[in-house]
PDB file of N, CA and C in Angstrom:
ATOM      1  N   UNK A   1     -27.173  20.020 -50.784  1.00  0.00           N
ATOM      2  CA  UNK A   1     -27.939  20.221 -49.220  1.00  0.00           C
ATOM      3  C   UNK A   1     -27.270  19.120 -48.561  1.00  0.00           C
ATOM      4  N   UNK A   2     -26.240  18.008 -48.196  1.00  0.00           N
ATOM      5  CA  UNK A   2     -25.569  17.712 -47.349  1.00  0.00           C
ATOM      6  C   UNK A   2     -24.393  17.815 -46.962  1.00  0.00           C
ATOM      7  N   UNK A   3     -23.739  20.005 -46.368  1.00  0.00           N
ATOM      8  CA  UNK A   3     -23.262  19.439 -45.879  1.00  0.00           C
ATOM      9  C   UNK A   3     -23.331  19.217 -44.482  1.00  0.00           C
ATOM     10  N   UNK A   4     -22.422  18.161 -44.447  1.00  0.00           N
ATOM     11  CA  UNK A   4     -22.967  17.734 -42.915  1.00  0.00           C
ATOM     12  C   UNK A   4     -21.810  17.442 -42.228  1.00  0.00           C
ATOM     13  N   UNK A   5     -21.752  17.842 -40.858  1.00  0.00           N
ATOM     14  CA  UNK A   5     -20.309  18.404 -40.122  1.00  0.00           C
ATOM     15  C   UNK A   5     -20.585  17.133 -38.807  1.00  0.00           C
ATOM     16  N   UNK A   6     -19.780  16.145 -38.939  1.00  0.00           N
ATOM     17  CA  UNK A   6     -19.615  15.778 -37.528  1.00  0.00           C
ATOM     18  C   UNK A   6     -19.458  15.725 -36.260  1.00  0.00           C
ATOM     19  N   UNK A   7     -20.115  15.870 -34.999  1.00  0.00           N
ATOM     20  CA  UNK A   7     -19.897  16.080 -34.207  1.00  0.00           C
ATOM     21  C   UNK A   7     -20.132  15.653 -32.811  1.00  0.00           C
ATOM     22  N   UNK A   8     -19.512  15.229 -31.858  1.00  0.00           N
ATOM     23  CA  UNK A   8     -19.475  14.488 -30.165  1.00  0.00           C
ATOM     24  C   UNK A   8     -21.035  14.988 -29.671  1.00  0.00           C
ATOM     25  N   UNK A   9     -21.349  14.005 -29.167  1.00  0.00           N
ATOM     26  CA  UNK A   9     -22.470  14.421 -28.456  1.00  0.00           C
ATOM     27  C   UNK A   9     -22.376  13.665 -27.068  1.00  0.00           C
ATOM     28  N   UNK A  10     -22.596  14.471 -25.893  1.00  0.00           N
ATOM     29  CA  UNK A  10     -22.582  14.186 -23.988  1.00  0.00           C
ATOM     30  C   UNK A  10     -22.457  12.349 -24.535  1.00  0.00           C
ATOM     31  N   UNK A  11     -23.529  11.761 -25.001  1.00  0.00           N
ATOM     32  CA  UNK A  11     -23.348  10.531 -24.664  1.00  0.00           C
ATOM     33  C   UNK A  11     -22.710   9.730 -26.197  1.00  0.00           C
ATOM     34  N   UNK A  12     -20.950  10.432 -26.751  1.00  0.00           N
ATOM     35  CA  UNK A  12     -20.671  10.249 -26.682  1.00  0.00           C
ATOM     36  C   UNK A  12     -20.713   9.279 -29.074  1.00  0.00           C
ATOM     37  N   UNK A  13     -21.826   9.351 -28.933  1.00  0.00           N
ATOM     38  CA  UNK A  13     -22.737   9.040 -30.253  1.00  0.00           C
ATOM     39  C   UNK A  13     -22.326  10.223 -30.663  1.00  0.00           C
ATOM     40  N   UNK A  14     -21.765   9.528 -32.256  1.00  0.00           N
ATOM     41  CA  UNK A  14     -21.694  10.031 -33.656  1.00  0.00           C
ATOM     42  C   UNK A  14     -22.951  11.251 -33.681  1.00  0.00           C
ATOM     43  N   UNK A  15     -22.616  12.726 -33.713  1.00  0.00           N
ATOM     44  CA  UNK A  15     -23.851  13.289 -34.679  1.00  0.00           C
ATOM     45  C   UNK A  15     -23.759  14.418 -36.104  1.00  0.00           C
ATOM     46  N   UNK A  16     -24.288  14.591 -36.784  1.00  0.00           N
ATOM     47  CA  UNK A  16     -24.493  15.123 -38.475  1.00  0.00           C
ATOM     48  C   UNK A  16     -25.320  16.415 -38.106  1.00  0.00           C
ATOM     49  N   UNK A  17     -24.463  17.622 -38.971  1.00  0.00           N
ATOM     50  CA  UNK A  17     -25.558  18.452 -38.895  1.00  0.00           C
ATOM     51  C   UNK A  17     -25.500  18.793 -40.126  1.00  0.00           C
ATOM     52  N   UNK A  18     -26.974  18.587 -40.649  1.00  0.00           N
ATOM     53  CA  UNK A  18     -27.229  18.946 -42.334  1.00  0.00           C
ATOM     54  C   UNK A  18     -27.831  20.018 -42.758  1.00  0.00           C
ATOM     55  N   UNK A  19     -27.640  21.344 -43.431  1.00  0.00           N
ATOM     56  CA  UNK A  19     -28.071  22.405 -44.223  1.00  0.00           C
ATOM     57  C   UNK A  19     -29.265  21.551 -45.597  1.00  0.00           C
ATOM     58  N   UNK A  20     -30.253  22.460 -44.718  1.00  0.00           N
ATOM     59  CA  UNK A  20     -31.574  22.059 -45.511  1.00  0.00           C
ATOM     60  C   UNK A  20     -31.556  22.788 -46.506  1.00  0.00           C
ATOM     61  N   UNK A  21     -31.027  24.155 -46.401  1.00  0.00           N
ATOM     62  CA  UNK A  21     -31.512  25.453 -47.326  1.00  0.00           C
ATOM     63  C   UNK A  21     -31.723  26.659 -46.817  1.00  0.00           C
ATOM     64  N   UNK A  22     -32.519  27.249 -47.135  1.00  0.00           N
ATOM     65  CA  UNK A  22     -33.255  28.322 -47.030  1.00  0.00           C
ATOM     66  C   UNK A  22     -34.322  28.378 -46.407  1.00  0.00           C
ATOM     67  N   UNK A  23     -34.924  28.743 -45.407  1.00  0.00           N
ATOM     68  CA  UNK A  23     -35.947  28.959 -44.323  1.00  0.00           C
ATOM     69  C   UNK A  23     -36.872  28.670 -44.939  1.00  0.00           C
ATOM     70  N   UNK A  24     -36.820  30.041 -46.277  1.00  0.00           N
ATOM     71  CA  UNK A  24     -38.389  30.053 -46.747  1.00  0.00           C
ATOM     72  C   UNK A  24     -38.398  29.385 -47.921  1.00  0.00           C
ATOM     73  N   UNK A  25     -37.332  28.190 -47.953  1.00  0.00           N
ATOM     74  CA  UNK A  25     -37.864  27.212 -48.927  1.00  0.00           C
ATOM     75  C   UNK A  25     -39.202  26.039 -48.768  1.00  0.00           C
ATOM     76  N   UNK A  26     -39.697  26.911 -47.165  1.00  0.00           N
ATOM     77  CA  UNK A  26     -41.220  25.507 -46.603  1.00  0.00           C
ATOM     78  C   UNK A  26     -42.163  27.004 -46.560  1.00  0.00           C
ATOM     79  N   UNK A  27     -43.059  27.022 -47.451  1.00  0.00           N
ATOM     80  CA  UNK A  27     -43.568  28.346 -46.952  1.00  0.00           C
ATOM     81  C   UNK A  27     -44.439  28.119 -45.019  1.00  0.00           C
ATOM     82  N   UNK A  28     -45.240  28.891 -44.662  1.00  0.00           N
ATOM     83  CA  UNK A  28     -45.220  28.937 -43.268  1.00  0.00           C
ATOM     84  C   UNK A  28     -47.177  27.678 -43.518  1.00  0.00           C
ATOM     85  N   UNK A  29     -46.749  27.421 -42.895  1.00  0.00           N
ATOM     86  CA  UNK A  29     -48.348  26.381 -42.645  1.00  0.00           C
ATOM     87  C   UNK A  29     -48.006  24.523 -43.091  1.00  0.00           C
ATOM     88  N   UNK A  30     -46.835  24.907 -43.633  1.00  0.00           N
ATOM     89  CA  UNK A  30     -46.652  23.565 -44.429  1.00  0.00           C
ATOM     90  C   UNK A  30     -45.278  22.577 -43.827  1.00  0.00           C
ATOM     91  N   UNK A  31     -45.560  21.645 -44.505  1.00  0.00           N
ATOM     92  CA  UNK A  31     -43.844  20.718 -44.812  1.00  0.00           C
ATOM     93  C   UNK A  31     -43.661  20.760 -45.328  1.00  0.00           C
ATOM     94  N   UNK A  32     -42.424  20.160 -45.748  1.00  0.00           N
ATOM     95  CA  UNK A  32     -41.147  19.219 -46.571  1.00  0.00           C
ATOM     96  C   UNK A  32     -40.665  18.009 -45.570  1.00  0.00           C
ATOM     97  N   UNK A  33     -40.157  17.481 -47.124  1.00  0.00           N
ATOM     98  CA  UNK A  33     -40.205  16.026 -46.973  1.00  0.00           C
ATOM     99  C   UNK A  33     -38.439  16.259 -47.914  1.00  0.00           C
ATOM    100  N   UNK A  34     -37.005  15.993 -46.772  1.00  0.00           N
ATOM    101  CA  UNK A  34     -36.206  15.924 -47.130  1.00  0.00           C
ATOM    102  C   UNK A  34     -35.162  14.509 -46.893  1.00  0.00           C
ATOM    103  N   UNK A  35     -34.905  13.844 -47.807  1.00  0.00           N
ATOM    104  CA  UNK A  35     -33.920  12.529 -47.830  1.00  0.00           C
ATOM    105  C   UNK A  35     -32.626  12.883 -47.312  1.00  0.00           C
ATOM    106  N   UNK A  36     -31.911  12.094 -46.168  1.00  0.00           N
ATOM    107  CA  UNK A  36     -30.863  12.733 -45.358  1.00  0.00           C
ATOM    108  C   UNK A  36     -30.638  11.281 -45.735  1.00  0.00           C
ATOM    109  N   UNK A  37     -29.453  10.402 -46.780  1.00  0.00           N
ATOM    110  CA  UNK A  37     -28.800   9.130 -46.807  1.00  0.00           C
ATOM    111  C   UNK A  37     -30.407   8.224 -47.019  1.00  0.00           C
ATOM    112  N   UNK A  38     -30.708   7.306 -46.164  1.00  0.00           N
ATOM    113  CA  UNK A  38     -30.969   6.388 -45.948  1.00  0.00           C
ATOM    114  C   UNK A  38     -33.170   6.751 -45.199  1.00  0.00           C
ATOM    115  N   UNK A  39     -32.919   7.917 -44.418  1.00  0.00           N
ATOM    116  CA  UNK A  39     -34.044   8.546 -44.003  1.00  0.00           C
ATOM    117  C   UNK A  39     -34.737   9.581 -45.188  1.00  0.00           C
ATOM    118  N   UNK A  40     -36.090   9.453 -44.419  1.00  0.00           N
ATOM    119  CA  UNK A  40     -36.936  10.587 -45.469  1.00  0.00           C
ATOM    120  C   UNK A  40     -37.117  11.147 -44.021  1.00  0.00           C
ATOM    121  N   UNK A  41     -37.085  12.917 -43.911  1.00  0.00           N
ATOM    122  CA  UNK A  41     -37.332  13.820 -42.443  1.00  0.00           C
ATOM    123  C   UNK A  41     -38.371  15.040 -43.611  1.00  0.00           C
ATOM    124  N   UNK A  42     -39.058  14.717 -42.329  1.00  0.00           N
ATOM    125  CA  UNK A  42     -39.736  15.950 -42.293  1.00  0.00           C
ATOM    126  C   UNK A  42     -39.784  17.087 -41.914  1.00  0.00           C
ATOM    127  N   UNK A  43     -39.983  18.025 -42.439  1.00  0.00           N
ATOM    128  CA  UNK A  43     -39.798  19.946 -41.487  1.00  0.00           C
ATOM    129  C   UNK A  43     -40.958  20.565 -42.107  1.00  0.00           C
ATOM    130  N   UNK A  44     -41.085  20.536 -41.036  1.00  0.00           N
ATOM    131  CA  UNK A  44     -42.594  21.879 -40.657  1.00  0.00           C
ATOM    132  C   UNK A  44     -42.591  23.434 -40.492  1.00  0.00           C
ATOM    133  N   UNK A  45     -42.893  24.274 -40.932  1.00  0.00           N
ATOM    134  CA  UNK A  45     -42.755  25.466 -40.234  1.00  0.00           C
ATOM    135  C   UNK A  45     -44.564  25.735 -39.814  1.00  0.00           C
ATOM    136  N   UNK A  46     -45.207  25.903 -39.017  1.00  0.00           N
ATOM    137  CA  UNK A  46     -46.176  26.465 -38.918  1.00  0.00           C
ATOM    138  C   UNK A  46     -46.156  27.393 -38.682  1.00  0.00           C
ATOM    139  N   UNK A  47     -47.862  27.663 -39.010  1.00  0.00           N
ATOM    140  CA  UNK A  47     -47.872  29.639 -39.081  1.00  0.00           C
ATOM    141  C   UNK A  47     -48.066  30.115 -37.897  1.00  0.00           C
ATOM    142  N   UNK A  48     -47.889  29.894 -36.390  1.00  0.00           N
ATOM    143  CA  UNK A  48     -47.514  30.524 -35.464  1.00  0.00           C
ATOM    144  C   UNK A  48     -45.900  30.572 -35.095  1.00  0.00           C
ATOM    145  N   UNK A  49     -45.319  30.487 -35.979  1.00  0.00           N
ATOM    146  CA  UNK A  49     -44.062  30.250 -35.553  1.00  0.00           C
ATOM    147  C   UNK A  49     -43.027  28.507 -35.487  1.00  0.00           C
ATOM    148  N   UNK A  50     -41.874  28.452 -35.541  1.00  0.00           N
ATOM    149  CA  UNK A  50     -41.614  28.038 -34.621  1.00  0.00           C
ATOM    150  C   UNK A  50     -40.232  26.742 -35.916  1.00  0.00           C
ATOM    151  N   UNK A  51     -40.363  25.385 -35.743  1.00  0.00           N
ATOM    152  CA  UNK A  51     -39.790  24.927 -37.010  1.00  0.00           C
ATOM    153  C   UNK A  51     -39.389  23.612 -36.294  1.00  0.00           C
ATOM    154  N   UNK A  52     -39.891  22.467 -36.780  1.00  0.00           N
ATOM    155  CA  UNK A  52     -40.016  21.420 -36.633  1.00  0.00           C
ATOM    156  C   UNK A  52     -39.634  19.914 -37.486  1.00  0.00           C
ATOM    157  N   UNK A  53     -38.728  19.036 -36.909  1.00  0.00           N
ATOM    158  CA  UNK A  53     -38.377  17.921 -37.457  1.00  0.00           C
ATOM    159  C   UNK A  53     -38.896  16.767 -37.505  1.00  0.00           C
ATOM    160  N   UNK A  54     -39.038  15.670 -38.276  1.00  0.00           N
ATOM    161  CA  UNK A  54     -40.174  14.402 -37.744  1.00  0.00           C
ATOM    162  C   UNK A  54     -39.566  13.245 -38.572  1.00  0.00           C
ATOM    163  N   UNK A  55     -39.681  11.834 -38.826  1.00  0.00           N
ATOM    164  CA  UNK A  55     -40.042  11.117 -39.608  1.00  0.00           C
ATOM    165  C   UNK A  55     -40.847  11.439 -40.193  1.00  0.00           C
ATOM    166  N   UNK A  56     -41.006  10.836 -41.673  1.00  0.00           N
ATOM    167  CA  UNK A  56     -41.651  11.551 -42.756  1.00  0.00           C
ATOM    168  C   UNK A  56     -42.547  10.283 -42.643  1.00  0.00           C
ATOM    169  N   UNK A  57     -42.696   9.346 -42.484  1.00  0.00           N
ATOM    170  CA  UNK A  57     -43.317   7.962 -42.173  1.00  0.00           C
ATOM    171  C   UNK A  57     -44.375   7.372 -41.343  1.00  0.00           C
ATOM    172  N   UNK A  58     -45.922   7.847 -41.019  1.00  0.00           N
ATOM    173  CA  UNK A  58     -46.499   7.749 -40.315  1.00  0.00           C
ATOM    174  C   UNK A  58     -46.601   6.483 -39.745  1.00  0.00           C
ATOM    175  N   UNK A  59     -46.085   5.884 -38.473  1.00  0.00           N
ATOM    176  CA  UNK A  59     -46.209   4.468 -38.605  1.00  0.00           C
ATOM    177  C   UNK A  59     -47.091   3.270 -38.597  1.00  0.00           C
ATOM    178  N   UNK A  60     -48.270   3.737 -38.957  1.00  0.00           N
ATOM    179  CA  UNK A  60     -49.839   3.502 -38.890  1.00  0.00           C
ATOM    180  C   UNK A  60     -49.612   2.515 -40.622  1.00  0.00           C
ATOM    181  N   UNK A  61     -49.861   3.490 -41.778  1.00  0.00           N
ATOM    182  CA  UNK A  61     -49.276   3.097 -43.434  1.00  0.00           C
ATOM    183  C   UNK A  61     -48.380   3.104 -43.684  1.00  0.00           C
ATOM    184  N   UNK A  62     -47.286   4.302 -43.172  1.00  0.00           N
ATOM    185  CA  UNK A  62     -46.356   5.000 -44.150  1.00  0.00           C
ATOM    186  C   UNK A  62     -46.629   5.839 -44.431  1.00  0.00           C
ATOM    187  N   UNK A  63     -47.738   6.947 -44.553  1.00  0.00           N
ATOM    188  CA  UNK A  63     -47.754   8.306 -45.261  1.00  0.00           C
ATOM    189  C   UNK A  63     -47.171   8.816 -45.083  1.00  0.00           C
ATOM    190  N   UNK A  64     -46.916  10.360 -45.642  1.00  0.00           N
ATOM    191  CA  UNK A  64     -46.198  11.357 -45.299  1.00  0.00           C
ATOM    192  C   UNK A  64     -46.515  12.059 -44.621  1.00  0.00           C
ATOM    193  N   UNK A  65     -46.422  12.361 -43.893  1.00  0.00           N
ATOM    194  CA  UNK A  65     -46.552  13.428 -42.585  1.00  0.00           C
ATOM    195  C   UNK A  65     -46.162  14.780 -43.819  1.00  0.00           C
ATOM    196  N   UNK A  66     -45.094  15.108 -44.090  1.00  0.00           N
ATOM    197  CA  UNK A  66     -44.761  16.187 -44.656  1.00  0.00           C
ATOM    198  C   UNK A  66     -45.887  16.653 -46.056  1.00  0.00           C
ATOM    199  N   UNK A  67     -47.129  15.900 -46.523  1.00  0.00           N
ATOM    200  CA  UNK A  67     -48.247  16.515 -46.410  1.00  0.00           C
ATOM    201  C   UNK A  67     -49.148  16.084 -45.457  1.00  0.00           C
ATOM    202  N   UNK A  68     -49.345  16.400 -44.541  1.00  0.00           N
ATOM    203  CA  UNK A  68     -50.525  16.395 -43.613  1.00  0.00           C
ATOM    204  C   UNK A  68     -50.587  18.277 -43.229  1.00  0.00           C
ATOM    205  N   UNK A  69     -51.916  18.198 -42.625  1.00  0.00           N
ATOM    206  CA  UNK A  69     -52.430  19.246 -41.804  1.00  0.00           C
ATOM    207  C   UNK A  69     -51.522  19.864 -40.813  1.00  0.00           C
ATOM    208  N   UNK A  70     -51.220  21.223 -40.921  1.00  0.00           N
ATOM    209  CA  UNK A  70     -49.837  21.822 -39.804  1.00  0.00           C
ATOM    210  C   UNK A  70     -51.079  22.897 -39.123  1.00  0.00           C
ATOM    211  N   UNK A  71     -50.873  22.777 -37.977  1.00  0.00           N
ATOM    212  CA  UNK A  71     -51.133  23.523 -36.935  1.00  0.00           C
ATOM    213  C   UNK A  71     -51.842  23.673 -35.617  1.00  0.00           C
ATOM    214  N   UNK A  72     -51.784  24.426 -34.977  1.00  0.00           N
ATOM    215  CA  UNK A  72     -51.803  23.736 -33.656  1.00  0.00           C
ATOM    216  C   UNK A  72     -50.753  22.908 -32.674  1.00  0.00           C
ATOM    217  N   UNK A  73     -49.424  22.838 -33.187  1.00  0.00           N
ATOM    218  CA  UNK A  73     -48.682  21.796 -32.443  1.00  0.00           C
ATOM    219  C   UNK A  73     -48.680  20.836 -32.846  1.00  0.00           C
ATOM    220  N   UNK A  74     -49.006  20.647 -34.012  1.00  0.00           N
ATOM    221  CA  UNK A  74     -49.064  19.443 -34.261  1.00  0.00           C
ATOM    222  C   UNK A  74     -49.444  19.403 -35.962  1.00  0.00           C
ATOM    223  N   UNK A  75     -49.095  18.029 -36.818  1.00  0.00           N
ATOM    224  CA  UNK A  75     -49.517  17.632 -37.849  1.00  0.00           C
ATOM    225  C   UNK A  75     -50.492  16.517 -38.104  1.00  0.00           C
ATOM    226  N   UNK A  76     -51.102  16.627 -38.453  1.00  0.00           N
ATOM    227  CA  UNK A  76     -52.518  15.665 -39.190  1.00  0.00           C
ATOM    228  C   UNK A  76     -51.994  14.756 -40.490  1.00  0.00           C
ATOM    229  N   UNK A  77     -51.563  13.246 -39.876  1.00  0.00           N
ATOM    230  CA  UNK A  77     -51.355  12.365 -41.720  1.00  0.00           C
ATOM    231  C   UNK A  77     -52.837  12.563 -42.285  1.00  0.00           C
ATOM    232  N   UNK A  78     -52.235  12.204 -43.713  1.00  0.00           N
ATOM    233  CA  UNK A  78     -53.125  12.527 -44.599  1.00  0.00           C
ATOM    234  C   UNK A  78     -54.341  11.630 -44.822  1.00  0.00           C
ATOM    235  N   UNK A  79     -53.766  10.766 -44.592  1.00  0.00           N
ATOM    236  CA  UNK A  79     -54.259   9.068 -44.918  1.00  0.00           C
ATOM    237  C   UNK A  79     -55.313   8.413 -43.796  1.00  0.00           C
ATOM    238  N   UNK A  80     -54.995   9.121 -42.533  1.00  0.00           N
ATOM    239  CA  UNK A  80     -56.058   8.097 -41.609  1.00  0.00           C
ATOM    240  C   UNK A  80     -55.954   8.900 -40.200  1.00  0.00           C
ATOM    241  N   UNK A  81     -55.931  10.590 -40.817  1.00  0.00           N
ATOM    242  CA  UNK A  81     -55.957  11.976 -39.814  1.00  0.00           C
ATOM    243  C   UNK A  81     -55.505  11.376 -38.597  1.00  0.00           C
ATOM    244  N   UNK A  82     -54.299  10.677 -38.240  1.00  0.00           N
ATOM    245  CA  UNK A  82     -53.555  10.984 -36.635  1.00  0.00           C
ATOM    246  C   UNK A  82     -53.144  11.675 -36.384  1.00  0.00           C
ATOM    247  N   UNK A  83     -52.964  12.358 -35.448  1.00  0.00           N
ATOM    248  CA  UNK A  83     -52.528  13.284 -34.988  1.00  0.00           C
ATOM    249  C   UNK A  83     -51.083  13.384 -34.618  1.00  0.00           C
ATOM    250  N   UNK A  84     -50.241  13.389 -34.336  1.00  0.00           N
ATOM    251  CA  UNK A  84     -48.531  13.441 -33.959  1.00  0.00           C
ATOM    252  C   UNK A  84     -48.242  15.358 -33.920  1.00  0.00           C
ATOM    253  N   UNK A  85     -47.412  15.572 -32.253  1.00  0.00           N
ATOM    254  CA  UNK A  85     -47.170  16.385 -31.585  1.00  0.00           C
ATOM    255  C   UNK A  85     -45.663  16.891 -32.765  1.00  0.00           C
ATOM    256  N   UNK A  86     -45.779  17.903 -33.180  1.00  0.00           N
ATOM    257  CA  UNK A  86     -44.684  18.227 -33.455  1.00  0.00           C
ATOM    258  C   UNK A  86     -43.275  18.202 -32.707  1.00  0.00           C
ATOM    259  N   UNK A  87     -43.615  18.432 -31.574  1.00  0.00           N
ATOM    260  CA  UNK A  87     -42.326  19.241 -30.650  1.00  0.00           C
ATOM    261  C   UNK A  87     -41.415  17.419 -30.264  1.00  0.00           C
ATOM    262  N   UNK A  88     -42.298  16.552 -30.384  1.00  0.00           N
ATOM    263  CA  UNK A  88     -42.257  15.256 -29.334  1.00  0.00           C
ATOM    264  C   UNK A  88     -42.156  14.245 -30.973  1.00  0.00           C
ATOM    265  N   UNK A  89     -43.356  14.904 -31.393  1.00  0.00           N
ATOM    266  CA  UNK A  89     -43.235  13.350 -32.195  1.00  0.00           C
ATOM    267  C   UNK A  89     -44.480  12.093 -31.915  1.00  0.00           C
ATOM    268  N   UNK A  90     -45.121  12.309 -30.430  1.00  0.00           N
ATOM    269  CA  UNK A  90     -45.737  11.639 -30.215  1.00  0.00           C
ATOM    270  C   UNK A  90     -47.909  11.766 -30.374  1.00  0.00           C
ATOM    271  N   UNK A  91     -48.010  10.611 -30.074  1.00  0.00           N
ATOM    272  CA  UNK A  91     -49.307  11.098 -31.068  1.00  0.00           C
ATOM    273  C   UNK A  91     -50.286  10.724 -30.149  1.00  0.00           C
ATOM    274  N   UNK A  92     -51.524  11.649 -30.747  1.00  0.00           N
ATOM    275  CA  UNK A  92     -52.140  12.196 -29.694  1.00  0.00           C
ATOM    276  C   UNK A  92     -53.453  11.222 -29.116  1.00  0.00           C
ATOM    277  N   UNK A  93     -53.399   9.821 -29.425  1.00  0.00           N
ATOM    278  CA  UNK A  93     -54.506   9.222 -29.756  1.00  0.00           C
ATOM    279  C   UNK A  93     -54.377   7.533 -28.936  1.00  0.00           C
ATOM    280  N   UNK A  94     -52.679   6.946 -29.531  1.00  0.00           N
ATOM    281  CA  UNK A  94     -52.464   5.786 -29.310  1.00  0.00           C
ATOM    282  C   UNK A  94     -51.327   6.497 -28.858  1.00  0.00           C
ATOM    283  N   UNK A  95     -50.208   5.119 -28.950  1.00  0.00           N
ATOM    284  CA  UNK A  95     -48.890   4.868 -28.327  1.00  0.00           C
ATOM    285  C   UNK A  95     -48.144   4.876 -29.802  1.00  0.00           C
ATOM    286  N   UNK A  96     -48.456   5.483 -30.812  1.00  0.00           N
ATOM    287  CA  UNK A  96     -48.041   5.516 -31.626  1.00  0.00           C
ATOM    288  C   UNK A  96     -46.878   7.008 -31.669  1.00  0.00           C
ATOM    289  N   UNK A  97     -45.739   7.180 -32.278  1.00  0.00           N
ATOM    290  CA  UNK A  97     -45.085   7.878 -31.965  1.00  0.00           C
ATOM    291  C   UNK A  97     -43.644   7.728 -33.160  1.00  0.00           C
ATOM    292  N   UNK A  98     -43.646   9.115 -33.591  1.00  0.00           N
ATOM    293  CA  UNK A  98     -42.291   9.212 -34.822  1.00  0.00           C
ATOM    294  C   UNK A  98     -41.223   9.624 -34.156  1.00  0.00           C
ATOM    295  N   UNK A  99     -40.347   9.509 -34.798  1.00  0.00           N
ATOM    296  CA  UNK A  99     -38.760  10.117 -33.816  1.00  0.00           C
ATOM    297  C   UNK A  99     -39.068  11.941 -34.746  1.00  0.00           C
ATOM    298  N   UNK A 100     -38.285  12.425 -33.332  1.00  0.00           N
ATOM    299  CA  UNK A 100     -38.086  13.836 -33.737  1.00  0.00           C
ATOM    300  C   UNK A 100     -36.563  13.740 -33.197  1.00  0.00           C
ATOM    301  N   UNK A 101     -36.523  15.586 -34.788  1.00  0.00           N
ATOM    302  CA  UNK A 101     -34.797  16.121 -34.536  1.00  0.00           C
ATOM    303  C   UNK A 101     -35.005  17.370 -34.349  1.00  0.00           C
ATOM    304  N   UNK A 102     -33.444  17.814 -33.700  1.00  0.00           N
ATOM    305  CA  UNK A 102     -33.710  18.915 -33.615  1.00  0.00           C
ATOM    306  C   UNK A 102     -33.683  19.598 -35.058  1.00  0.00           C
ATOM    307  N   UNK A 103     -33.337  20.818 -35.435  1.00  0.00           N
ATOM    308  CA  UNK A 103     -33.387  21.424 -36.372  1.00  0.00           C
ATOM    309  C   UNK A 103     -33.516  22.732 -36.086  1.00  0.00           C
ATOM    310  N   UNK A 104     -32.857  23.452 -36.181  1.00  0.00           N
ATOM    311  CA  UNK A 104     -32.495  25.481 -36.083  1.00  0.00           C
ATOM    312  C   UNK A 104     -32.325  26.317 -37.368  1.00  0.00           C
ATOM    313  N   UNK A 105     -31.976  27.337 -37.235  1.00  0.00           N
ATOM    314  CA  UNK A 105     -32.111  28.300 -38.123  1.00  0.00           C
ATOM    315  C   UNK A 105     -30.912  29.285 -37.244  1.00  0.00           C
ATOM    316  N   UNK A 106     -29.717  29.531 -38.971  1.00  0.00           N
ATOM    317  CA  UNK A 106     -28.142  29.771 -38.195  1.00  0.00           C
ATOM    318  C   UNK A 106     -28.926  31.064 -40.102  1.00  0.00           C
ATOM    319  N   UNK A 107     -28.882  32.053 -39.816  1.00  0.00           N
ATOM    320  CA  UNK A 107     -28.327  33.269 -40.628  1.00  0.00           C
ATOM    321  C   UNK A 107     -29.648  33.055 -42.399  1.00  0.00           C
ATOM    322  N   UNK A 108     -30.716  32.275 -41.004  1.00  0.00           N
ATOM    323  CA  UNK A 108     -32.040  32.395 -42.582  1.00  0.00           C
ATOM    324  C   UNK A 108     -32.119  30.583 -43.051  1.00  0.00           C
ATOM    325  N   UNK A 109     -30.689  30.055 -42.885  1.00  0.00           N
ATOM    326  CA  UNK A 109     -30.407  28.239 -43.103  1.00  0.00           C
ATOM    327  C   UNK A 109     -31.053  27.600 -42.218  1.00  0.00           C
ATOM    328  N   UNK A 110     -31.631  26.646 -42.705  1.00  0.00           N
ATOM    329  CA  UNK A 110     -31.854  25.364 -41.548  1.00  0.00           C
ATOM    330  C   UNK A 110     -31.005  24.214 -41.611  1.00  0.00           C
ATOM    331  N   UNK A 111     -30.726  23.968 -40.301  1.00  0.00           N
ATOM    332  CA  UNK A 111     -29.770  23.547 -40.231  1.00  0.00           C
ATOM    333  C   UNK A 111     -30.899  21.347 -39.089  1.00  0.00           C
ATOM    334  N   UNK A 112     -30.143  20.781 -39.521  1.00  0.00           N
ATOM    335  CA  UNK A 112     -30.807  19.915 -39.046  1.00  0.00           C
ATOM    336  C   UNK A 112     -29.474  18.631 -38.172  1.00  0.00           C
ATOM    337  N   UNK A 113     -30.104  18.293 -36.868  1.00  0.00           N
ATOM    338  CA  UNK A 113     -29.129  17.240 -36.680  1.00  0.00           C
ATOM    339  C   UNK A 113     -29.619  15.621 -36.341  1.00  0.00           C
ATOM    340  N   UNK A 114     -28.624  14.693 -36.890  1.00  0.00           N
ATOM    341  CA  UNK A 114     -29.506  13.457 -37.229  1.00  0.00           C
ATOM    342  C   UNK A 114     -28.121  12.913 -36.387  1.00  0.00           C
ATOM    343  N   UNK A 115     -29.063  12.152 -35.203  1.00  0.00           N
ATOM    344  CA  UNK A 115     -27.878  11.361 -33.884  1.00  0.00           C
ATOM    345  C   UNK A 115     -27.390   9.639 -35.485  1.00  0.00           C
ATOM    346  N   UNK A 116     -26.359   9.751 -35.120  1.00  0.00           N
ATOM    347  CA  UNK A 116     -25.988   7.643 -35.602  1.00  0.00           C
ATOM    348  C   UNK A 116     -26.738   6.986 -34.587  1.00  0.00           C
ATOM    349  N   UNK A 117     -26.931   5.857 -35.414  1.00  0.00           N
ATOM    350  CA  UNK A 117     -27.306   4.822 -34.561  1.00  0.00           C
ATOM    351  C   UNK A 117     -26.791   3.688 -34.340  1.00  0.00           C
TER     352      UNK A 117
END
């Protein structure tokens, strides 16, 4: 799972690309959690298309966003029904936000970009 390759970004921070496996490991309309070092990232594959990645923990009570309802460009927290945009991680109703990550598909496999802090 962790075929990580360091890359340099424009602002000279180090990033790594992590192979998450085949796209079909996540059924349409669902999310899955992936442990990457000390992080847990939720990757979503909405029915309307695309692939998105956010920190898995909801900022309100730490619920697993990968277990939330996915649709219409957002995920709904399974614990308190807070809504977060898949593309940005921005909370719909307040200042809450979760970190988003670039994720892409090459040859049917998902790759996630993790920028080093």
